[in-house]
Amino acid sequence: MKALCLLLFPVLGLLVSSKTLCSMEEAISEKIQESASSLGSWDVRAETTCHCQCAGMDWTGARCCRLQP
């Protein structure tokens, strides 16, 4: 019984730490979506510049949004 308990503690630790990581990833994704919510389609080209597609136009290299920390 003691051996079983000793084996379960590391497994429980992994479950708790992986859940924390997932919620951290969710928070980061949510922050990115909030910062660039006005764009229909975009990808980050630099820390503060994104490459966006505006309605009725092709991809542009203009600075169309700023990601805020």
C-alpha atoms as a PDB file:
ATOM      1  CA  MET A   1       0.000   0.000   0.000  1.00  0.00           C
ATOM      2  CA  LYS A   2       2.842   2.404   0.831  1.00  0.00           C
ATOM      3  CA  ALA A   3       4.498   1.626  -2.497  1.00  0.00           C
ATOM      4  CA  LEU A   4       1.268   2.379  -4.352  1.00  0.00           C
ATOM      5  CA  CYS A   5       0.957   5.743  -2.604  1.00  0.00           C
ATOM      6  CA  LEU A   6       4.575   6.591  -3.435  1.00  0.00           C
ATOM      7  CA  LEU A   7       3.906   5.817  -7.105  1.00  0.00           C
ATOM      8  CA  LEU A   8       0.750   7.936  -7.241  1.00  0.00           C
ATOM      9  CA  PHE A   9       2.330  11.160  -5.922  1.00  0.00           C
ATOM     10  CA  PRO A  10       4.530  11.797  -9.011  1.00  0.00           C
ATOM     11  CA  VAL A  11       1.599  11.029 -11.322  1.00  0.00           C
ATOM     12  CA  LEU A  12      -0.626  13.510  -9.486  1.00  0.00           C
ATOM     13  CA  GLY A  13       2.138  16.112  -9.677  1.00  0.00           C
ATOM     14  CA  LEU A  14       2.321  15.717 -13.455  1.00  0.00           C
ATOM     15  CA  LEU A  15      -1.439  16.095 -13.803  1.00  0.00           C
ATOM     16  CA  VAL A  16      -1.496  19.299 -11.762  1.00  0.00           C
ATOM     17  CA  SER A  17       1.472  20.872 -13.574  1.00  0.00           C
ATOM     18  CA  SER A  18       0.093  20.039 -17.039  1.00  0.00           C
ATOM     19  CA  LYS A  19      -3.243  21.648 -16.168  1.00  0.00           C
ATOM     20  CA  THR A  20      -1.433  24.830 -15.112  1.00  0.00           C
ATOM     21  CA  LEU A  21       0.456  24.882 -18.403  1.00  0.00           C
ATOM     22  CA  CYS A  22      -2.769  24.562 -20.390  1.00  0.00           C
ATOM     23  CA  SER A  23      -4.423  27.446 -18.582  1.00  0.00           C
ATOM     24  CA  MET A  24      -1.282  29.549 -19.172  1.00  0.00           C
ATOM     25  CA  GLU A  25      -1.459  28.783 -22.906  1.00  0.00           C
ATOM     26  CA  GLU A  26      -5.147  29.704 -22.913  1.00  0.00           C
ATOM     27  CA  ALA A  27      -4.392  33.025 -21.215  1.00  0.00           C
ATOM     28  CA  ILE A  28      -1.691  33.851 -23.777  1.00  0.00           C
ATOM     29  CA  SER A  29      -3.971  32.963 -26.691  1.00  0.00           C
ATOM     30  CA  GLU A  30      -6.765  35.081 -25.224  1.00  0.00           C
ATOM     31  CA  LYS A  31      -4.422  38.068 -24.787  1.00  0.00           C
ATOM     32  CA  ILE A  32      -3.267  37.813 -28.415  1.00  0.00           C
ATOM     33  CA  GLN A  33      -6.856  37.627 -29.663  1.00  0.00           C
ATOM     34  CA  GLU A  34      -7.864  40.658 -27.579  1.00  0.00           C
ATOM     35  CA  SER A  35      -4.908  42.697 -28.856  1.00  0.00           C
ATOM     36  CA  ALA A  36      -5.610  42.025 -32.516  1.00  0.00           C
ATOM     37  CA  SER A  37      -9.342  41.421 -32.506  1.00  0.00           C
ATOM     38  CA  SER A  38     -10.017  44.013 -35.211  1.00  0.00           C
ATOM     39  CA  LEU A  39      -8.118  42.058 -37.856  1.00  0.00           C
ATOM     40  CA  GLY A  40      -9.733  39.304 -39.874  1.00  0.00           C
ATOM     41  CA  SER A  41      -6.525  37.493 -40.723  1.00  0.00           C
ATOM     42  CA  TRP A  42      -3.016  38.217 -39.479  1.00  0.00           C
ATOM     43  CA  ASP A  43       0.361  36.878 -38.491  1.00  0.00           C
ATOM     44  CA  VAL A  44       3.046  38.475 -36.346  1.00  0.00           C
ATOM     45  CA  ARG A  45       6.121  39.694 -38.248  1.00  0.00           C
ATOM     46  CA  ALA A  46       7.896  41.409 -35.351  1.00  0.00           C
ATOM     47  CA  GLU A  47       7.242  41.945 -31.661  1.00  0.00           C
ATOM     48  CA  THR A  48       4.942  44.919 -32.286  1.00  0.00           C
ATOM     49  CA  THR A  49       4.008  44.604 -35.965  1.00  0.00           C
ATOM     50  CA  CYS A  50       1.615  42.260 -37.704  1.00  0.00           C
ATOM     51  CA  HIS A  51       0.936  41.447 -41.327  1.00  0.00           C
ATOM     52  CA  CYS A  52      -2.801  41.759 -41.925  1.00  0.00           C
ATOM     53  CA  GLN A  53      -5.383  41.204 -44.605  1.00  0.00           C
ATOM     54  CA  CYS A  54      -7.981  43.951 -44.851  1.00  0.00           C
ATOM     55  CA  ALA A  55     -11.413  43.424 -46.368  1.00  0.00           C
ATOM     56  CA  GLY A  56     -11.260  43.545 -50.157  1.00  0.00           C
ATOM     57  CA  MET A  57      -7.461  43.766 -50.256  1.00  0.00           C
ATOM     58  CA  ASP A  58      -4.581  41.342 -50.522  1.00  0.00           C
ATOM     59  CA  TRP A  59      -1.926  40.835 -47.877  1.00  0.00           C
ATOM     60  CA  THR A  60      -0.129  44.048 -47.062  1.00  0.00           C
ATOM     61  CA  GLY A  61       3.119  44.762 -45.284  1.00  0.00           C
ATOM     62  CA  ALA A  62       1.696  47.861 -43.599  1.00  0.00           C
ATOM     63  CA  ARG A  63       1.807  48.281 -39.864  1.00  0.00           C
ATOM     64  CA  CYS A  64      -1.847  47.623 -39.247  1.00  0.00           C
ATOM     65  CA  CYS A  65      -1.850  46.694 -35.598  1.00  0.00           C
ATOM     66  CA  ARG A  66       0.288  46.878 -32.495  1.00  0.00           C
ATOM     67  CA  LEU A  67       0.301  44.005 -30.050  1.00  0.00           C
ATOM     68  CA  GLN A  68       0.179  45.382 -26.549  1.00  0.00           C
ATOM     69  CA  PRO A  69       1.945  43.481 -23.711  1.00  0.00           C
END
